[in-house]
Protein backbone atom coordinates (compact mmCIF):
# COMPACT_ATOMS: atom_id res chain seq x y z
CA MET A 1 -20.30 -18.41 -24.74
CA GLY A 2 -21.15 -15.69 -27.24
CA GLY A 3 -19.40 -14.62 -30.13
CA PHE A 4 -18.04 -16.55 -33.31
CA ILE A 5 -15.38 -19.48 -32.62
CA GLU A 6 -13.54 -20.76 -35.16
CA PRO A 7 -14.11 -24.72 -35.91
CA HIS A 8 -10.47 -25.51 -34.73
CA ARG A 9 -10.84 -23.97 -31.48
CA ALA A 10 -14.24 -24.78 -31.01
CA GLU A 11 -13.27 -28.52 -31.22
CA LEU A 12 -10.49 -28.00 -28.92
CA ILE A 13 -12.50 -26.70 -26.30
CA ALA A 14 -15.17 -29.28 -26.87
CA LYS A 15 -12.47 -32.29 -26.57
CA VAL A 16 -11.09 -30.46 -23.24
CA SER A 17 -14.58 -30.01 -21.98
CA GLU A 18 -15.48 -33.98 -22.45
CA THR A 19 -12.57 -34.41 -21.05
CA ALA A 20 -13.67 -32.51 -18.08
CA GLU A 21 -17.00 -34.40 -17.99
CA ARG A 22 -15.63 -37.81 -17.77
CA ARG A 23 -12.71 -37.06 -15.10
CA LEU A 24 -15.25 -34.94 -12.93
CA GLY A 25 -18.62 -35.88 -13.53
CA ALA A 26 -21.20 -33.79 -15.48
CA ASP A 27 -22.29 -32.09 -11.95
CA LYS A 28 -19.01 -30.79 -10.81
CA ALA A 29 -17.76 -29.86 -14.96
CA ALA A 30 -20.54 -27.34 -14.92
CA ASP A 31 -19.23 -24.33 -13.98
CA PHE A 32 -15.75 -25.33 -15.33
CA THR A 33 -16.73 -26.13 -18.36
CA ALA A 34 -17.61 -22.55 -18.47
CA PHE A 35 -14.00 -21.58 -17.41
CA ILE A 36 -12.51 -23.57 -20.03
CA HIS A 37 -14.12 -21.77 -23.03
CA HIS A 38 -12.95 -18.55 -21.68
CA TYR A 39 -9.44 -19.89 -20.95
CA PHE A 40 -9.20 -21.43 -24.40
CA ALA A 41 -11.03 -18.56 -26.03
CA HIS A 42 -7.95 -16.51 -27.33
CA VAL A 43 -4.77 -18.77 -27.02
CA PRO A 44 -2.99 -19.25 -30.56
CA LEU A 45 -3.67 -22.45 -31.68
CA GLN A 46 0.10 -23.23 -32.90
CA ASP A 47 0.82 -22.30 -28.95
CA VAL A 48 -0.97 -25.41 -27.78
CA HIS A 49 -0.46 -27.76 -31.40
CA GLY A 50 0.84 -31.22 -29.94
CA GLU A 51 -0.50 -30.75 -26.52
CA THR A 52 -2.29 -33.72 -25.47
CA THR A 53 -6.38 -32.67 -24.51
CA ASP A 54 -5.69 -34.03 -20.89
CA ALA A 55 -2.73 -31.85 -20.27
CA LEU A 56 -4.74 -28.97 -21.44
CA PHE A 57 -7.55 -30.08 -19.29
CA GLY A 58 -5.07 -30.59 -16.00
CA ALA A 59 -3.43 -26.90 -16.68
CA ALA A 60 -6.87 -25.64 -16.96
CA TYR A 61 -8.24 -27.19 -13.91
CA ALA A 62 -5.04 -26.49 -11.59
CA HIS A 63 -5.33 -22.96 -12.58
CA TRP A 64 -8.98 -22.78 -11.68
CA LYS A 65 -8.71 -24.62 -8.54
CA LYS A 66 -6.14 -22.23 -7.52
CA GLY A 67 -8.06 -19.17 -8.01
CA ARG A 68 -11.85 -20.62 -6.72
CA LYS A 69 -10.47 -18.73 -3.00
CA ARG A 70 -8.89 -15.39 -3.72
CA THR A 71 -9.76 -12.47 -1.23
CA SER A 72 -10.67 -9.54 -3.24
CA SER A 73 -7.62 -7.28 -3.92
CA ARG A 74 -5.07 -9.53 -3.17
CA PRO A 75 -3.81 -11.73 -6.06
CA CYS A 76 -3.08 -15.22 -6.39
CA VAL A 77 0.20 -16.55 -7.32
CA ARG A 78 1.92 -20.13 -7.44
CA VAL A 79 5.13 -21.37 -9.24
CA TYR A 80 5.33 -24.80 -9.39
CA ASN A 81 6.87 -28.07 -11.46
CA PRO A 82 3.71 -30.01 -12.59
CA ARG A 83 3.89 -33.68 -11.43
CA LEU A 84 1.10 -36.01 -12.40
CA ASP A 85 1.18 -37.74 -9.07
CA GLU A 86 0.71 -34.03 -7.16
CA HIS A 87 -0.64 -31.88 -9.60
CA GLY A 88 -3.28 -34.06 -11.71
CA TRP A 89 -1.09 -33.44 -14.95
CA ARG A 90 2.77 -32.72 -16.18
CA SER A 91 4.23 -30.47 -17.84
CA GLU A 92 8.02 -29.99 -19.01
CA HIS A 93 8.28 -26.72 -18.14
CA THR A 94 7.87 -24.90 -15.02
CA VAL A 95 4.53 -23.03 -14.72
CA VAL A 96 3.67 -19.50 -13.05
CA GLU A 97 0.12 -18.99 -12.08
CA VAL A 98 -1.72 -15.56 -11.33
CA VAL A 99 -5.37 -14.89 -10.36
CA THR A 100 -5.80 -10.99 -9.84
CA ASP A 101 -8.48 -8.35 -10.24
CA ASP A 102 -7.95 -7.27 -13.77
CA MET A 103 -6.16 -3.92 -14.63
CA PRO A 104 -3.59 -2.65 -16.81
CA PHE A 105 -0.02 -4.04 -17.46
CA LEU A 106 -0.47 -7.35 -16.25
CA VAL A 107 0.81 -9.43 -18.80
CA ASP A 108 3.67 -6.90 -20.17
CA SER A 109 4.74 -6.60 -16.26
CA VAL A 110 4.93 -9.90 -15.82
CA THR A 111 6.66 -10.89 -18.80
CA ALA A 112 9.21 -8.65 -18.70
CA MET A 113 10.34 -9.51 -15.34
CA LEU A 114 10.34 -13.17 -16.56
CA ASN A 115 12.85 -12.22 -19.71
CA ARG A 116 15.27 -9.92 -17.12
CA ARG A 117 15.20 -13.48 -15.25
CA ASP A 118 16.10 -15.63 -18.45
CA LEU A 119 12.97 -17.56 -18.09
CA ALA A 120 12.43 -18.26 -22.03
CA VAL A 121 8.83 -17.79 -22.25
CA HIS A 122 6.85 -20.65 -24.10
CA LEU A 123 3.35 -20.18 -23.64
CA THR A 124 0.62 -17.20 -22.29
CA ILE A 125 -2.47 -17.62 -21.66
CA HIS A 126 -4.24 -14.97 -20.78
CA PRO A 127 -8.37 -14.82 -19.94
CA ILE A 128 -10.22 -12.25 -18.64
CA VAL A 129 -12.76 -14.31 -16.44
CA PRO A 130 -15.80 -12.77 -15.17
CA VAL A 131 -16.24 -14.89 -11.82
CA ILE A 132 -19.19 -14.21 -9.36
CA ARG A 133 -17.88 -14.96 -6.14
CA ASP A 134 -19.35 -15.39 -2.48
CA SER A 135 -18.14 -12.11 -0.23
CA GLU A 136 -15.45 -11.64 -3.06
CA VAL A 137 -14.07 -14.97 -1.89
CA GLU A 138 -15.35 -18.04 -3.10
CA ALA A 139 -15.95 -18.57 -6.55
CA GLN A 140 -19.64 -19.34 -7.07
CA GLY A 141 -19.47 -19.45 -10.88
CA ILE A 142 -19.13 -18.21 -14.49
CA ALA A 143 -21.21 -15.51 -15.21
CA ALA A 144 -22.88 -15.39 -18.81
CA ASP A 145 -21.92 -12.71 -21.67
CA ALA A 146 -25.14 -10.89 -20.73
CA ASP A 147 -24.36 -10.90 -16.57
CA ALA A 148 -20.85 -9.95 -16.89
CA GLU A 149 -20.94 -6.50 -15.90
CA ALA A 150 -23.09 -6.76 -13.25
CA ALA A 151 -21.96 -5.54 -9.40
CA GLU A 152 -21.35 -8.72 -7.74
CA VAL A 153 -19.09 -10.04 -11.01
CA ASN A 154 -15.55 -9.34 -10.80
CA ARG A 155 -13.48 -9.23 -13.79
CA GLU A 156 -10.49 -11.23 -13.02
CA SER A 157 -7.09 -11.89 -14.75
CA PHE A 158 -6.10 -15.45 -15.08
CA MET A 159 -2.17 -15.45 -16.18
CA HIS A 160 -0.83 -18.79 -17.23
CA PHE A 161 3.01 -18.76 -18.09
CA GLU A 162 5.24 -22.09 -18.92
CA VAL A 163 8.48 -21.30 -19.26
CA SER A 164 12.18 -23.13 -19.23
CA GLN A 165 12.27 -25.63 -16.39
CA GLN A 166 13.64 -24.34 -13.09
CA PRO A 167 14.97 -26.43 -10.04
CA GLY A 168 12.54 -26.67 -6.98
CA SER A 169 14.85 -24.18 -4.64
CA ALA A 170 14.49 -20.96 -7.54
CA LEU A 171 10.67 -21.37 -7.42
CA PRO A 172 9.77 -19.10 -4.58
CA GLU A 173 12.23 -16.37 -5.54
CA ILE A 174 10.37 -16.33 -9.10
CA ALA A 175 7.18 -16.53 -6.81
CA LYS A 176 8.19 -13.13 -4.86
CA ALA A 177 9.41 -11.48 -7.72
CA VAL A 178 6.06 -12.07 -9.57
CA GLU A 179 4.26 -10.75 -6.26
CA ASP A 180 6.43 -7.58 -6.30
CA VAL A 181 5.53 -6.67 -9.87
CA LEU A 182 1.94 -7.52 -9.28
CA SER A 183 2.10 -4.90 -6.50
CA ASP A 184 3.78 -1.82 -8.15
CA VAL A 185 1.11 -2.38 -10.81
CA ARG A 186 -1.61 -2.23 -8.81
CA ALA A 187 -0.33 0.69 -7.32
CA ALA A 188 0.34 2.49 -10.14
CA VAL A 189 -2.95 1.90 -11.83
CA GLU A 190 -4.97 2.59 -8.03
CA ASP A 191 -2.70 6.09 -7.68
CA TRP A 192 -2.92 7.33 -11.45
CA ARG A 193 -5.78 9.41 -11.06
CA GLN A 194 -4.30 10.96 -7.96
CA MET A 195 -0.58 11.36 -9.73
CA ALA A 196 -2.40 13.40 -12.61
CA ASP A 197 -4.35 15.78 -10.11
CA ARG A 198 -0.87 16.27 -8.75
CA MET A 199 0.85 17.11 -12.13
CA GLN A 200 -2.30 19.65 -12.60
CA GLU A 201 -1.65 20.90 -9.47
CA VAL A 202 2.02 21.90 -10.47
CA VAL A 203 0.53 23.50 -13.58
CA ASN A 204 -1.55 25.29 -12.15
CA GLY A 205 0.89 26.87 -9.24
CA LEU A 206 3.35 28.03 -11.42
CA ASP A 207 2.33 31.56 -11.72
CA ALA A 208 4.35 31.92 -8.73
CA ALA A 209 7.77 31.09 -10.38
CA THR A 210 7.54 34.42 -12.32
CA LYS A 211 8.43 35.85 -9.45
CA TRP A 212 12.25 34.98 -10.09
CA LEU A 213 12.05 33.38 -13.62
CA PRO A 214 11.22 34.70 -17.16
CA GLU A 215 7.63 34.51 -18.14
CA GLU A 216 8.20 32.94 -21.14
CA ASP A 217 10.88 30.28 -19.46
CA VAL A 218 7.59 29.45 -17.14
CA ASN A 219 5.01 29.32 -20.15
CA GLU A 220 7.18 26.92 -21.80
CA VAL A 221 7.21 24.31 -18.54
CA ARG A 222 3.89 24.76 -18.41
CA ALA A 223 2.78 23.86 -21.80
CA PHE A 224 5.37 20.76 -21.13
CA LEU A 225 3.89 19.53 -18.09
CA GLN A 226 0.62 20.43 -19.39
CA TRP A 227 1.35 17.82 -22.18
CA VAL A 228 2.59 15.15 -20.46
CA HIS A 229 -0.66 15.56 -17.98
CA ASP A 230 -2.88 15.49 -20.88
CA ASP A 231 -2.16 11.62 -21.69
CA HIS A 232 1.27 11.98 -23.48
CA PHE A 233 2.66 9.70 -20.91
CA THR A 234 1.51 6.98 -18.32
CA PHE A 235 2.29 8.53 -14.57
CA LEU A 236 4.05 5.44 -12.63
CA GLY A 237 5.03 6.96 -9.41
CA TYR A 238 5.24 10.31 -7.45
CA ARG A 239 7.21 11.72 -4.55
CA GLU A 240 8.22 14.76 -2.78
CA TYR A 241 11.50 15.68 -1.57
CA ALA A 242 12.55 18.38 1.39
CA PHE A 243 15.81 20.05 1.22
CA SER A 244 17.65 21.30 4.19
CA GLY A 245 21.14 22.93 5.24
CA GLY A 246 23.01 24.84 1.94
CA GLY A 247 25.99 24.63 0.08
CA SER A 248 28.39 21.46 0.62
CA ASP A 249 26.19 20.52 3.60
CA ALA A 250 22.94 20.81 1.86
CA THR A 251 21.04 17.28 1.90
CA ILE A 252 18.12 16.08 0.28
CA SER A 253 15.31 13.61 1.91
CA VAL A 254 11.77 11.85 0.57
CA VAL A 255 8.88 13.35 2.47
CA ALA A 256 7.11 10.66 3.89
CA ASP A 257 3.13 9.25 3.47
CA VAL A 258 3.23 11.51 0.35
CA GLY A 259 4.45 8.92 -2.28
CA LEU A 260 2.19 7.90 -4.94
CA GLY A 261 2.23 4.38 -7.27
CA VAL A 262 5.28 3.09 -7.38
CA LEU A 263 7.06 5.72 -5.36
CA ARG A 264 4.63 5.13 -2.52
CA ASP A 265 7.45 3.43 -0.16
CA PRO A 266 9.76 6.19 0.44
CA ASP A 267 12.65 3.68 0.92
CA PHE A 268 12.31 2.98 -2.79
CA THR A 269 15.53 4.57 -4.05
CA VAL A 270 15.44 5.47 -7.99
CA PHE A 271 18.88 7.09 -8.19
CA HIS A 272 20.72 7.23 -4.70
CA GLU A 273 18.93 10.55 -4.01
CA LEU A 274 19.21 10.22 0.05
CA ARG A 275 22.08 11.87 0.63
CA ALA A 276 24.05 14.70 0.39
CA ILE A 277 23.72 17.09 -2.80
CA ALA A 278 27.53 17.48 -2.88
CA SER A 279 27.83 13.86 -3.57
CA MET A 280 25.22 13.96 -6.25
CA PRO A 281 25.74 13.58 -10.18
CA PRO A 282 27.12 16.83 -11.52
CA ALA A 283 23.32 17.80 -13.27
CA VAL A 284 21.56 17.59 -10.34
CA GLN A 285 23.99 19.50 -8.23
CA ALA A 286 23.55 22.25 -10.86
CA PHE A 287 20.17 22.21 -10.85
CA VAL A 288 19.58 22.41 -7.05
CA SER A 289 21.97 25.25 -7.13
CA ARG A 290 19.92 27.24 -10.11
CA PRO A 291 16.66 28.85 -9.96
CA ASP A 292 15.33 26.19 -12.43
CA LEU A 293 11.49 24.89 -13.19
CA LEU A 294 12.30 21.61 -14.19
CA LEU A 295 14.92 18.86 -14.44
CA VAL A 296 14.18 15.37 -17.13
CA THR A 297 16.26 12.61 -16.03
CA LYS A 298 16.01 8.99 -16.31
CA THR A 299 16.28 6.47 -13.31
CA ASN A 300 18.98 4.00 -12.46
CA VAL A 301 16.62 0.93 -12.45
CA PRO A 302 14.23 0.06 -15.12
CA SER A 303 10.69 0.21 -14.52
CA THR A 304 8.61 -2.57 -13.18
CA VAL A 305 5.43 -1.96 -14.62
CA HIS A 306 4.94 -2.10 -18.19
CA ARG A 307 8.12 -1.66 -20.27
CA PRO A 308 11.21 -2.84 -18.56
CA VAL A 309 12.91 0.51 -19.44
CA PRO A 310 14.37 3.65 -16.94
CA MET A 311 11.28 5.10 -15.91
CA GLY A 312 11.54 8.26 -18.23
CA PHE A 313 11.60 10.75 -18.30
CA HIS A 314 11.79 11.23 -14.52
CA ARG A 315 10.44 15.20 -13.76
CA HIS A 316 11.75 17.31 -11.11
CA GLN A 317 9.23 20.15 -10.56
CA GLU A 318 11.45 23.01 -8.26
CA VAL A 319 9.12 24.64 -6.01
CA ARG A 320 11.50 27.71 -4.55
CA ARG A 321 10.74 30.82 -2.55
CA ARG A 322 13.39 34.01 -1.34
CA ARG A 323 13.77 34.00 2.17
CA PRO A 324 13.16 37.09 3.96
CA GLY A 325 16.38 39.33 3.52
CA HIS A 326 17.68 37.19 1.34
CA ARG A 327 18.44 38.05 -2.90
CA SER A 328 18.74 34.48 -3.60
CA THR A 329 16.46 32.01 -4.39
CA ASP A 330 16.62 28.74 -1.66
CA VAL A 331 15.18 25.25 -2.97
CA ARG A 332 12.73 23.90 -0.03
CA ARG A 333 10.54 21.60 -2.09
CA ALA A 334 11.11 19.12 -5.18
CA VAL A 335 8.08 17.00 -6.75
CA HIS A 336 9.03 13.99 -8.78
CA PHE A 337 7.22 12.25 -11.32
CA GLY A 338 7.91 8.87 -12.94
CA CYS A 339 6.33 8.37 -16.23
CA LEU A 340 6.81 6.30 -19.27
CA GLN A 341 6.24 7.13 -23.07
CA PRO A 342 2.87 4.78 -23.53
């Protein structure tokens, strides 16, 4: 592995590698030894101080075996209490293992979920490993530094968290929560470009609003939304709403098949929006009844991506038009961007 490795870390890696050769045999340990270099390359040494070499080998080898077979775009998740007779190593903590494609927000998103469940995190190991896979399924080895950017090499995130030990009955629920967070992260990352494009489309379409709003107000909204678009916020979700009815009977519904990011699922509710407008918060009712372009709010639920805070701002861009023969401006569609400040 290239680059300088401080003496104490090099000694740690050498000892774990020697244990691997002793327990697995030189031939079988070859690929795994390369994995060991990545696995412990950036772990704070004080975090593993006092751990036996056998325990460090066991944790790394269990993780490597878990990630040997993995379908591309599908994460591997395991939550377990390591036992020597079953897993080849033991720990006083519950271990959360993840193997997935490398992408932004992974570690902080999973850590935030664990913290929300009051699971104290005692150790985090998070190498990015250049894995060579056969048809993107079976790991064939670890790419050398010079080959790490080759097309057949997958940059994969191996995340190892040790949390306060949990009863066996709680482990499946924790694993499901990890999988849900990973799904949200992937959706936000995969759809980021499309969400940015949607925002630019909204900005470009604001000229029509000057038909019923002062040009100065429209320009102010345009400047703000362009600023948001230009990398000042992280887009997490996008959806559209349709309005029907009028007055106290007006209702709002999510438009299917256009959602992006964490708002892909039309059933995902961020602030009880699927109901009669008359029962919604006063600020939202007032917004719908006035010819405003923008409402900035926060959601009722914390973001599962990046940071566990309400997705704010949430933006509502109202698209309005005048019905033939009517003087009033009628709400027909709203678009909603869920964002976080970086």
